[in-house]
Amino acid sequence: MEKVLLDTDIGGDIDDAICLAYLLREPQCNLVGITTVCGEPEKRAAIASAICKTVKRDIPIVAGLDKTLQPVPVYPTPDGAAALCNWEHDIYENRMQVHLCMR
């Protein structure tokens, strides 16, 4: 059984939600955690949580940074978060702080 950590920008296009659904159902996958990135990672974490709760799986989820190394975020906001009011999900706060030193 393969251990998998899913790092995702879930909430915009459907591809990440399909990937998560696949990993949750794949018997050869041990999904050990999910991290979310890009614009509003807290909402993205809530979307991942809603999907996990729908299939009654308790997977650790961490909301990552909303800033990327690119000058402009590719996905500034997760459009899919608009439907969160219809689904049970956990609430996340972004507590991660990363300091990059450049020489």
PDB file of N, CA and C in Angstrom:
ATOM      1  N   MET A   1       0.849  -1.171   0.000  1.00  0.00           N
ATOM      2  CA  MET A   1       0.000   0.000   0.000  1.00  0.00           C
ATOM      3  C   MET A   1       0.898   1.238   0.000  1.00  0.00           C
ATOM      4  N   GLU A   2       0.610   2.149  -0.908  1.00  0.00           N
ATOM      5  CA  GLU A   2       1.415   3.366  -1.056  1.00  0.00           C
ATOM      6  C   GLU A   2       0.898   4.476  -0.145  1.00  0.00           C
ATOM      7  N   LYS A   3       1.816   5.137   0.571  1.00  0.00           N
ATOM      8  CA  LYS A   3       1.467   6.318   1.354  1.00  0.00           C
ATOM      9  C   LYS A   3       1.475   7.518   0.425  1.00  0.00           C
ATOM     10  N   VAL A   4       0.418   8.339   0.514  1.00  0.00           N
ATOM     11  CA  VAL A   4       0.284   9.505  -0.358  1.00  0.00           C
ATOM     12  C   VAL A   4      -0.044  10.730   0.485  1.00  0.00           C
ATOM     13  N   LEU A   5       0.654  11.836   0.200  1.00  0.00           N
ATOM     14  CA  LEU A   5       0.322  13.147   0.745  1.00  0.00           C
ATOM     15  C   LEU A   5      -0.128  13.990  -0.442  1.00  0.00           C
ATOM     16  N   LEU A   6      -1.384  14.423  -0.425  1.00  0.00           N
ATOM     17  CA  LEU A   6      -1.930  15.211  -1.531  1.00  0.00           C
ATOM     18  C   LEU A   6      -1.752  16.696  -1.235  1.00  0.00           C
ATOM     19  N   ASP A   7      -0.996  17.375  -2.090  1.00  0.00           N
ATOM     20  CA  ASP A   7      -0.823  18.826  -2.027  1.00  0.00           C
ATOM     21  C   ASP A   7      -1.659  19.397  -3.153  1.00  0.00           C
ATOM     22  N   THR A   8      -2.660  20.215  -2.840  1.00  0.00           N
ATOM     23  CA  THR A   8      -3.664  20.567  -3.830  1.00  0.00           C
ATOM     24  C   THR A   8      -4.098  22.024  -3.761  1.00  0.00           C
ATOM     25  N   ASP A   9      -4.566  22.524  -4.901  1.00  0.00           N
ATOM     26  CA  ASP A   9      -5.206  23.839  -4.965  1.00  0.00           C
ATOM     27  C   ASP A   9      -6.699  23.637  -5.253  1.00  0.00           C
ATOM     28  N   ILE A  10      -7.276  22.634  -4.623  1.00  0.00           N
ATOM     29  CA  ILE A  10      -8.666  22.230  -4.815  1.00  0.00           C
ATOM     30  C   ILE A  10      -9.612  23.418  -4.681  1.00  0.00           C
ATOM     31  N   GLY A  11     -10.674  23.403  -5.458  1.00  0.00           N
ATOM     32  CA  GLY A  11     -11.688  24.441  -5.315  1.00  0.00           C
ATOM     33  C   GLY A  11     -11.917  25.279  -6.550  1.00  0.00           C
ATOM     34  N   GLY A  12     -11.062  25.162  -7.530  1.00  0.00           N
ATOM     35  CA  GLY A  12     -11.251  25.909  -8.781  1.00  0.00           C
ATOM     36  C   GLY A  12     -11.763  24.969  -9.850  1.00  0.00           C
ATOM     37  N   ASP A  13     -10.861  24.273 -10.496  1.00  0.00           N
ATOM     38  CA  ASP A  13     -11.232  23.279 -11.495  1.00  0.00           C
ATOM     39  C   ASP A  13     -11.602  21.972 -10.791  1.00  0.00           C
ATOM     40  N   ILE A  14     -12.301  21.104 -11.485  1.00  0.00           N
ATOM     41  CA  ILE A  14     -12.791  19.854 -10.916  1.00  0.00           C
ATOM     42  C   ILE A  14     -11.694  18.799 -10.759  1.00  0.00           C
ATOM     43  N   ASP A  15     -10.551  18.981 -11.415  1.00  0.00           N
ATOM     44  CA  ASP A  15      -9.530  17.931 -11.445  1.00  0.00           C
ATOM     45  C   ASP A  15      -9.024  17.528 -10.064  1.00  0.00           C
ATOM     46  N   ASP A  16      -8.831  18.479  -9.174  1.00  0.00           N
ATOM     47  CA  ASP A  16      -8.316  18.147  -7.842  1.00  0.00           C
ATOM     48  C   ASP A  16      -9.359  17.407  -7.003  1.00  0.00           C
ATOM     49  N   ALA A  17     -10.626  17.770  -7.148  1.00  0.00           N
ATOM     50  CA  ALA A  17     -11.690  17.066  -6.421  1.00  0.00           C
ATOM     51  C   ALA A  17     -11.798  15.626  -6.911  1.00  0.00           C
ATOM     52  N   ILE A  18     -11.659  15.419  -8.218  1.00  0.00           N
ATOM     53  CA  ILE A  18     -11.697  14.061  -8.767  1.00  0.00           C
ATOM     54  C   ILE A  18     -10.499  13.265  -8.272  1.00  0.00           C
ATOM     55  N   CYS A  19      -9.342  13.886  -8.223  1.00  0.00           N
ATOM     56  CA  CYS A  19      -8.136  13.225  -7.715  1.00  0.00           C
ATOM     57  C   CYS A  19      -8.338  12.808  -6.263  1.00  0.00           C
ATOM     58  N   LEU A  20      -8.854  13.704  -5.438  1.00  0.00           N
ATOM     59  CA  LEU A  20      -9.088  13.384  -4.036  1.00  0.00           C
ATOM     60  C   LEU A  20     -10.093  12.247  -3.901  1.00  0.00           C
ATOM     61  N   ALA A  21     -11.174  12.299  -4.653  1.00  0.00           N
ATOM     62  CA  ALA A  21     -12.174  11.231  -4.600  1.00  0.00           C
ATOM     63  C   ALA A  21     -11.554   9.887  -4.986  1.00  0.00           C
ATOM     64  N   TYR A  22     -10.729   9.899  -6.012  1.00  0.00           N
ATOM     65  CA  TYR A  22     -10.047   8.674  -6.446  1.00  0.00           C
ATOM     66  C   TYR A  22      -9.152   8.127  -5.332  1.00  0.00           C
ATOM     67  N   LEU A  23      -8.340   9.001  -4.740  1.00  0.00           N
ATOM     68  CA  LEU A  23      -7.416   8.559  -3.690  1.00  0.00           C
ATOM     69  C   LEU A  23      -8.161   8.029  -2.469  1.00  0.00           C
ATOM     70  N   LEU A  24      -9.315   8.612  -2.159  1.00  0.00           N
ATOM     71  CA  LEU A  24     -10.102   8.155  -1.016  1.00  0.00           C
ATOM     72  C   LEU A  24     -10.685   6.756  -1.239  1.00  0.00           C
ATOM     73  N   ARG A  25     -10.908   6.396  -2.501  1.00  0.00           N
ATOM     74  CA  ARG A  25     -11.516   5.096  -2.814  1.00  0.00           C
ATOM     75  C   ARG A  25     -10.518   4.037  -3.266  1.00  0.00           C
ATOM     76  N   GLU A  26      -9.312   4.433  -3.598  1.00  0.00           N
ATOM     77  CA  GLU A  26      -8.317   3.489  -4.116  1.00  0.00           C
ATOM     78  C   GLU A  26      -7.800   2.600  -2.976  1.00  0.00           C
ATOM     79  N   PRO A  27      -8.019   1.290  -3.055  1.00  0.00           N
ATOM     80  CA  PRO A  27      -7.603   0.405  -1.968  1.00  0.00           C
ATOM     81  C   PRO A  27      -6.085   0.316  -1.783  1.00  0.00           C
ATOM     82  N   GLN A  28      -5.308   0.610  -2.810  1.00  0.00           N
ATOM     83  CA  GLN A  28      -3.852   0.552  -2.706  1.00  0.00           C
ATOM     84  C   GLN A  28      -3.235   1.862  -2.221  1.00  0.00           C
ATOM     85  N   CYS A  29      -4.087   2.828  -1.856  1.00  0.00           N
ATOM     86  CA  CYS A  29      -3.606   4.146  -1.424  1.00  0.00           C
ATOM     87  C   CYS A  29      -3.866   4.347   0.063  1.00  0.00           C
ATOM     88  N   ASN A  30      -2.839   4.735   0.777  1.00  0.00           N
ATOM     89  CA  ASN A  30      -2.962   5.139   2.175  1.00  0.00           C
ATOM     90  C   ASN A  30      -2.787   6.655   2.197  1.00  0.00           C
ATOM     91  N   LEU A  31      -3.896   7.384   2.088  1.00  0.00           N
ATOM     92  CA  LEU A  31      -3.853   8.846   2.059  1.00  0.00           C
ATOM     93  C   LEU A  31      -3.554   9.336   3.479  1.00  0.00           C
ATOM     94  N   VAL A  32      -2.322   9.788   3.705  1.00  0.00           N
ATOM     95  CA  VAL A  32      -1.875  10.147   5.047  1.00  0.00           C
ATOM     96  C   VAL A  32      -2.134  11.609   5.392  1.00  0.00           C
ATOM     97  N   GLY A  33      -2.443  12.441   4.399  1.00  0.00           N
ATOM     98  CA  GLY A  33      -2.715  13.842   4.675  1.00  0.00           C
ATOM     99  C   GLY A  33      -2.972  14.639   3.423  1.00  0.00           C
ATOM    100  N   ILE A  34      -3.517  15.837   3.634  1.00  0.00           N
ATOM    101  CA  ILE A  34      -3.822  16.757   2.538  1.00  0.00           C
ATOM    102  C   ILE A  34      -3.321  18.135   2.954  1.00  0.00           C
ATOM    103  N   THR A  35      -2.613  18.812   2.051  1.00  0.00           N
ATOM    104  CA  THR A  35      -2.237  20.204   2.262  1.00  0.00           C
ATOM    105  C   THR A  35      -2.848  21.024   1.131  1.00  0.00           C
ATOM    106  N   THR A  36      -3.259  22.244   1.454  1.00  0.00           N
ATOM    107  CA  THR A  36      -3.872  23.100   0.444  1.00  0.00           C
ATOM    108  C   THR A  36      -3.029  24.354   0.262  1.00  0.00           C
ATOM    109  N   VAL A  37      -2.998  24.849  -0.973  1.00  0.00           N
ATOM    110  CA  VAL A  37      -2.159  25.994  -1.326  1.00  0.00           C
ATOM    111  C   VAL A  37      -2.916  26.950  -2.238  1.00  0.00           C
ATOM    112  N   CYS A  38      -2.318  28.084  -2.476  1.00  0.00           N
ATOM    113  CA  CYS A  38      -2.813  29.169  -3.341  1.00  0.00           C
ATOM    114  C   CYS A  38      -3.831  30.019  -2.602  1.00  0.00           C
ATOM    115  N   GLY A  39      -4.540  30.860  -3.341  1.00  0.00           N
ATOM    116  CA  GLY A  39      -5.458  31.827  -2.754  1.00  0.00           C
ATOM    117  C   GLY A  39      -6.465  31.199  -1.810  1.00  0.00           C
ATOM    118  N   GLU A  40      -6.576  31.750  -0.631  1.00  0.00           N
ATOM    119  CA  GLU A  40      -7.506  31.316   0.412  1.00  0.00           C
ATOM    120  C   GLU A  40      -7.390  29.815   0.703  1.00  0.00           C
ATOM    121  N   PRO A  41      -6.216  29.370   1.134  1.00  0.00           N
ATOM    122  CA  PRO A  41      -6.020  27.948   1.399  1.00  0.00           C
ATOM    123  C   PRO A  41      -6.929  27.406   2.490  1.00  0.00           C
ATOM    124  N   GLU A  42      -7.425  28.276   3.385  1.00  0.00           N
ATOM    125  CA  GLU A  42      -8.334  27.832   4.434  1.00  0.00           C
ATOM    126  C   GLU A  42      -9.644  27.326   3.830  1.00  0.00           C
ATOM    127  N   LYS A  43     -10.156  28.055   2.835  1.00  0.00           N
ATOM    128  CA  LYS A  43     -11.384  27.610   2.157  1.00  0.00           C
ATOM    129  C   LYS A  43     -11.110  26.341   1.355  1.00  0.00           C
ATOM    130  N   ARG A  44      -9.944  26.257   0.777  1.00  0.00           N
ATOM    131  CA  ARG A  44      -9.585  25.049   0.022  1.00  0.00           C
ATOM    132  C   ARG A  44      -9.510  23.837   0.959  1.00  0.00           C
ATOM    133  N   ALA A  45      -8.984  24.048   2.164  1.00  0.00           N
ATOM    134  CA  ALA A  45      -8.939  22.970   3.157  1.00  0.00           C
ATOM    135  C   ALA A  45     -10.358  22.546   3.547  1.00  0.00           C
ATOM    136  N   ALA A  46     -11.257  23.520   3.676  1.00  0.00           N
ATOM    137  CA  ALA A  46     -12.651  23.203   4.012  1.00  0.00           C
ATOM    138  C   ALA A  46     -13.314  22.390   2.901  1.00  0.00           C
ATOM    139  N   ILE A  47     -12.977  22.685   1.651  1.00  0.00           N
ATOM    140  CA  ILE A  47     -13.523  21.910   0.526  1.00  0.00           C
ATOM    141  C   ILE A  47     -13.024  20.471   0.603  1.00  0.00           C
ATOM    142  N   ALA A  48     -11.725  20.289   0.858  1.00  0.00           N
ATOM    143  CA  ALA A  48     -11.175  18.942   1.005  1.00  0.00           C
ATOM    144  C   ALA A  48     -11.840  18.221   2.174  1.00  0.00           C
ATOM    145  N   SER A  49     -12.062  18.938   3.257  1.00  0.00           N
ATOM    146  CA  SER A  49     -12.724  18.370   4.430  1.00  0.00           C
ATOM    147  C   SER A  49     -14.143  17.901   4.087  1.00  0.00           C
ATOM    148  N   ALA A  50     -14.878  18.712   3.336  1.00  0.00           N
ATOM    149  CA  ALA A  50     -16.249  18.341   2.961  1.00  0.00           C
ATOM    150  C   ALA A  50     -16.261  17.045   2.146  1.00  0.00           C
ATOM    151  N   ILE A  51     -15.303  16.905   1.243  1.00  0.00           N
ATOM    152  CA  ILE A  51     -15.231  15.682   0.438  1.00  0.00           C
ATOM    153  C   ILE A  51     -14.898  14.482   1.326  1.00  0.00           C
ATOM    154  N   CYS A  52     -13.945  14.643   2.223  1.00  0.00           N
ATOM    155  CA  CYS A  52     -13.564  13.539   3.121  1.00  0.00           C
ATOM    156  C   CYS A  52     -14.718  13.154   4.039  1.00  0.00           C
ATOM    157  N   LYS A  53     -15.417  14.142   4.582  1.00  0.00           N
ATOM    158  CA  LYS A  53     -16.538  13.852   5.472  1.00  0.00           C
ATOM    159  C   LYS A  53     -17.689  13.166   4.738  1.00  0.00           C
ATOM    160  N   THR A  54     -17.863  13.480   3.468  1.00  0.00           N
ATOM    161  CA  THR A  54     -18.927  12.858   2.684  1.00  0.00           C
ATOM    162  C   THR A  54     -18.755  11.346   2.613  1.00  0.00           C
ATOM    163  N   VAL A  55     -17.502  10.903   2.552  1.00  0.00           N
ATOM    164  CA  VAL A  55     -17.236   9.458   2.489  1.00  0.00           C
ATOM    165  C   VAL A  55     -16.766   8.925   3.852  1.00  0.00           C
ATOM    166  N   LYS A  56     -16.974   9.744   4.898  1.00  0.00           N
ATOM    167  CA  LYS A  56     -16.669   9.340   6.273  1.00  0.00           C
ATOM    168  C   LYS A  56     -15.220   8.911   6.489  1.00  0.00           C
ATOM    169  N   ARG A  57     -14.307   9.716   5.936  1.00  0.00           N
ATOM    170  CA  ARG A  57     -12.868   9.479   6.134  1.00  0.00           C
ATOM    171  C   ARG A  57     -12.293  10.638   6.923  1.00  0.00           C
ATOM    172  N   ASP A  58     -11.480  10.321   7.910  1.00  0.00           N
ATOM    173  CA  ASP A  58     -10.831  11.328   8.749  1.00  0.00           C
ATOM    174  C   ASP A  58      -9.367  11.435   8.332  1.00  0.00           C
ATOM    175  N   ILE A  59      -9.070  12.381   7.452  1.00  0.00           N
ATOM    176  CA  ILE A  59      -7.730  12.584   6.921  1.00  0.00           C
ATOM    177  C   ILE A  59      -7.195  13.902   7.472  1.00  0.00           C
ATOM    178  N   PRO A  60      -5.974  13.935   7.998  1.00  0.00           N
ATOM    179  CA  PRO A  60      -5.400  15.212   8.456  1.00  0.00           C
ATOM    180  C   PRO A  60      -5.279  16.204   7.291  1.00  0.00           C
ATOM    181  N   ILE A  61      -5.714  17.435   7.532  1.00  0.00           N
ATOM    182  CA  ILE A  61      -5.681  18.479   6.500  1.00  0.00           C
ATOM    183  C   ILE A  61      -5.021  19.713   7.088  1.00  0.00           C
ATOM    184  N   VAL A  62      -4.103  20.311   6.326  1.00  0.00           N
ATOM    185  CA  VAL A  62      -3.411  21.536   6.755  1.00  0.00           C
ATOM    186  C   VAL A  62      -3.559  22.588   5.659  1.00  0.00           C
ATOM    187  N   ALA A  63      -4.032  23.761   6.053  1.00  0.00           N
ATOM    188  CA  ALA A  63      -4.100  24.891   5.122  1.00  0.00           C
ATOM    189  C   ALA A  63      -2.719  25.516   5.037  1.00  0.00           C
ATOM    190  N   GLY A  64      -2.165  25.537   3.850  1.00  0.00           N
ATOM    191  CA  GLY A  64      -0.821  26.072   3.652  1.00  0.00           C
ATOM    192  C   GLY A  64      -0.828  27.554   3.366  1.00  0.00           C
ATOM    193  N   LEU A  65       0.186  27.989   2.651  1.00  0.00           N
ATOM    194  CA  LEU A  65       0.342  29.410   2.336  1.00  0.00           C
ATOM    195  C   LEU A  65      -0.539  29.827   1.173  1.00  0.00           C
ATOM    196  N   ASP A  66      -0.968  31.080   1.194  1.00  0.00           N
ATOM    197  CA  ASP A  66      -1.746  31.580   0.064  1.00  0.00           C
ATOM    198  C   ASP A  66      -0.873  32.293  -0.954  1.00  0.00           C
ATOM    199  N   LYS A  67       0.389  32.486  -0.634  1.00  0.00           N
ATOM    200  CA  LYS A  67       1.309  33.133  -1.569  1.00  0.00           C
ATOM    201  C   LYS A  67       2.131  32.069  -2.278  1.00  0.00           C
ATOM    202  N   THR A  68       2.412  32.314  -3.521  1.00  0.00           N
ATOM    203  CA  THR A  68       3.218  31.390  -4.300  1.00  0.00           C
ATOM    204  C   THR A  68       4.567  32.029  -4.612  1.00  0.00           C
ATOM    205  N   LEU A  69       5.453  31.261  -5.179  1.00  0.00           N
ATOM    206  CA  LEU A  69       6.735  31.805  -5.615  1.00  0.00           C
ATOM    207  C   LEU A  69       6.585  32.594  -6.907  1.00  0.00           C
ATOM    208  N   GLN A  70       5.432  32.427  -7.561  1.00  0.00           N
ATOM    209  CA  GLN A  70       5.135  33.202  -8.770  1.00  0.00           C
ATOM    210  C   GLN A  70       4.691  34.599  -8.348  1.00  0.00           C
ATOM    211  N   PRO A  71       4.916  35.610  -9.179  1.00  0.00           N
ATOM    212  CA  PRO A  71       4.505  36.974  -8.814  1.00  0.00           C
ATOM    213  C   PRO A  71       2.987  37.132  -8.704  1.00  0.00           C
ATOM    214  N   VAL A  72       2.226  36.392  -9.495  1.00  0.00           N
ATOM    215  CA  VAL A  72       0.767  36.489  -9.473  1.00  0.00           C
ATOM    216  C   VAL A  72       0.204  35.094  -9.205  1.00  0.00           C
ATOM    217  N   PRO A  73      -0.665  34.953  -8.193  1.00  0.00           N
ATOM    218  CA  PRO A  73      -1.238  33.632  -7.932  1.00  0.00           C
ATOM    219  C   PRO A  73      -2.040  33.123  -9.120  1.00  0.00           C
ATOM    220  N   VAL A  74      -1.902  31.840  -9.402  1.00  0.00           N
ATOM    221  CA  VAL A  74      -2.638  31.248 -10.511  1.00  0.00           C
ATOM    222  C   VAL A  74      -4.116  31.167 -10.181  1.00  0.00           C
ATOM    223  N   TYR A  75      -4.444  30.786  -8.971  1.00  0.00           N
ATOM    224  CA  TYR A  75      -5.836  30.666  -8.534  1.00  0.00           C
ATOM    225  C   TYR A  75      -6.029  31.510  -7.284  1.00  0.00           C
ATOM    226  N   PRO A  76      -6.412  32.768  -7.417  1.00  0.00           N
ATOM    227  CA  PRO A  76      -6.500  33.633  -6.246  1.00  0.00           C
ATOM    228  C   PRO A  76      -7.615  33.255  -5.271  1.00  0.00           C
ATOM    229  N   THR A  77      -8.734  32.750  -5.747  1.00  0.00           N
ATOM    230  CA  THR A  77      -9.832  32.353  -4.861  1.00  0.00           C
ATOM    231  C   THR A  77     -10.429  31.037  -5.330  1.00  0.00           C
ATOM    232  N   PRO A  78     -10.905  30.213  -4.397  1.00  0.00           N
ATOM    233  CA  PRO A  78     -11.521  28.936  -4.775  1.00  0.00           C
ATOM    234  C   PRO A  78     -13.012  29.098  -5.050  1.00  0.00           C
ATOM    235  N   ASP A  79     -13.394  29.090  -6.312  1.00  0.00           N
ATOM    236  CA  ASP A  79     -14.799  29.261  -6.678  1.00  0.00           C
ATOM    237  C   ASP A  79     -15.695  28.203  -6.042  1.00  0.00           C
ATOM    238  N   GLY A  80     -15.167  26.999  -5.853  1.00  0.00           N
ATOM    239  CA  GLY A  80     -15.960  25.908  -5.290  1.00  0.00           C
ATOM    240  C   GLY A  80     -16.367  26.128  -3.847  1.00  0.00           C
ATOM    241  N   ALA A  81     -15.762  27.088  -3.161  1.00  0.00           N
ATOM    242  CA  ALA A  81     -16.102  27.334  -1.761  1.00  0.00           C
ATOM    243  C   ALA A  81     -17.511  27.891  -1.590  1.00  0.00           C
ATOM    244  N   ALA A  82     -18.096  28.384  -2.646  1.00  0.00           N
ATOM    245  CA  ALA A  82     -19.450  28.931  -2.556  1.00  0.00           C
ATOM    246  C   ALA A  82     -20.465  27.882  -2.117  1.00  0.00           C
ATOM    247  N   ALA A  83     -20.195  26.608  -2.373  1.00  0.00           N
ATOM    248  CA  ALA A  83     -21.133  25.536  -2.027  1.00  0.00           C
ATOM    249  C   ALA A  83     -20.879  24.948  -0.642  1.00  0.00           C
ATOM    250  N   LEU A  84     -19.892  25.447   0.088  1.00  0.00           N
ATOM    251  CA  LEU A  84     -19.566  24.868   1.388  1.00  0.00           C
ATOM    252  C   LEU A  84     -20.728  24.909   2.377  1.00  0.00           C
ATOM    253  N   CYS A  85     -21.604  25.887   2.251  1.00  0.00           N
ATOM    254  CA  CYS A  85     -22.734  25.981   3.184  1.00  0.00           C
ATOM    255  C   CYS A  85     -23.662  24.775   3.068  1.00  0.00           C
ATOM    256  N   ASN A  86     -23.536  24.013   1.987  1.00  0.00           N
ATOM    257  CA  ASN A  86     -24.385  22.840   1.774  1.00  0.00           C
ATOM    258  C   ASN A  86     -23.772  21.541   2.283  1.00  0.00           C
ATOM    259  N   TRP A  87     -22.538  21.594   2.760  1.00  0.00           N
ATOM    260  CA  TRP A  87     -21.817  20.374   3.139  1.00  0.00           C
ATOM    261  C   TRP A  87     -21.184  20.516   4.510  1.00  0.00           C
ATOM    262  N   GLU A  88     -21.196  19.427   5.284  1.00  0.00           N
ATOM    263  CA  GLU A  88     -20.490  19.410   6.558  1.00  0.00           C
ATOM    264  C   GLU A  88     -18.991  19.497   6.277  1.00  0.00           C
ATOM    265  N   HIS A  89     -18.297  20.349   7.017  1.00  0.00           N
ATOM    266  CA  HIS A  89     -16.851  20.500   6.838  1.00  0.00           C
ATOM    267  C   HIS A  89     -16.240  21.159   8.065  1.00  0.00           C
ATOM    268  N   ASP A  90     -14.957  20.986   8.228  1.00  0.00           N
ATOM    269  CA  ASP A  90     -14.233  21.651   9.301  1.00  0.00           C
ATOM    270  C   ASP A  90     -13.812  23.032   8.838  1.00  0.00           C
ATOM    271  N   ILE A  91     -13.534  23.903   9.795  1.00  0.00           N
ATOM    272  CA  ILE A  91     -13.067  25.261   9.518  1.00  0.00           C
ATOM    273  C   ILE A  91     -11.561  25.297   9.786  1.00  0.00           C
ATOM    274  N   TYR A  92     -10.825  25.976   8.932  1.00  0.00           N
ATOM    275  CA  TYR A  92      -9.367  26.024   9.042  1.00  0.00           C
ATOM    276  C   TYR A  92      -8.871  27.450   9.128  1.00  0.00           C
ATOM    277  N   GLU A  93      -7.780  27.619   9.847  1.00  0.00           N
ATOM    278  CA  GLU A  93      -7.086  28.898   9.909  1.00  0.00           C
ATOM    279  C   GLU A  93      -5.682  28.682   9.383  1.00  0.00           C
ATOM    280  N   ASN A  94      -5.172  29.668   8.691  1.00  0.00           N
ATOM    281  CA  ASN A  94      -3.813  29.582   8.174  1.00  0.00           C
ATOM    282  C   ASN A  94      -2.860  30.070   9.247  1.00  0.00           C
ATOM    283  N   ARG A  95      -2.094  29.146   9.803  1.00  0.00           N
ATOM    284  CA  ARG A  95      -1.149  29.497  10.861  1.00  0.00           C
ATOM    285  C   ARG A  95       0.292  29.356  10.403  1.00  0.00           C
ATOM    286  N   MET A  96       0.479  28.987   9.155  1.00  0.00           N
ATOM    287  CA  MET A  96       1.829  28.769   8.655  1.00  0.00           C
ATOM    288  C   MET A  96       2.461  30.095   8.258  1.00  0.00           C
ATOM    289  N   GLN A  97       3.695  30.266   8.621  1.00  0.00           N
ATOM    290  CA  GLN A  97       4.462  31.432   8.196  1.00  0.00           C
ATOM    291  C   GLN A  97       5.809  30.928   7.722  1.00  0.00           C
ATOM    292  N   VAL A  98       6.156  31.310   6.530  1.00  0.00           N
ATOM    293  CA  VAL A  98       7.439  30.895   5.982  1.00  0.00           C
ATOM    294  C   VAL A  98       8.244  32.139   5.648  1.00  0.00           C
ATOM    295  N   HIS A  99       9.474  32.145   6.066  1.00  0.00           N
ATOM    296  CA  HIS A  99      10.367  33.260   5.748  1.00  0.00           C
ATOM    297  C   HIS A  99      11.449  32.738   4.810  1.00  0.00           C
ATOM    298  N   LEU A 100      11.522  33.308   3.653  1.00  0.00           N
ATOM    299  CA  LEU A 100      12.529  32.912   2.693  1.00  0.00           C
ATOM    300  C   LEU A 100      13.685  33.908   2.732  1.00  0.00           C
ATOM    301  N   CYS A 101      14.862  33.380   2.834  1.00  0.00           N
ATOM    302  CA  CYS A 101      16.049  34.233   2.813  1.00  0.00           C
ATOM    303  C   CYS A 101      16.679  34.165   1.434  1.00  0.00           C
ATOM    304  N   MET A 102      16.833  35.305   0.824  1.00  0.00           N
ATOM    305  CA  MET A 102      17.460  35.342  -0.488  1.00  0.00           C
ATOM    306  C   MET A 102      18.761  36.124  -0.387  1.00  0.00           C
ATOM    307  N   ARG A 103      19.769  35.590  -1.017  1.00  0.00           N
ATOM    308  CA  ARG A 103      21.063  36.257  -0.995  1.00  0.00           C
ATOM    309  C   ARG A 103      21.382  36.825  -2.342  1.00  0.00           C
TER     310      ARG A 103
END
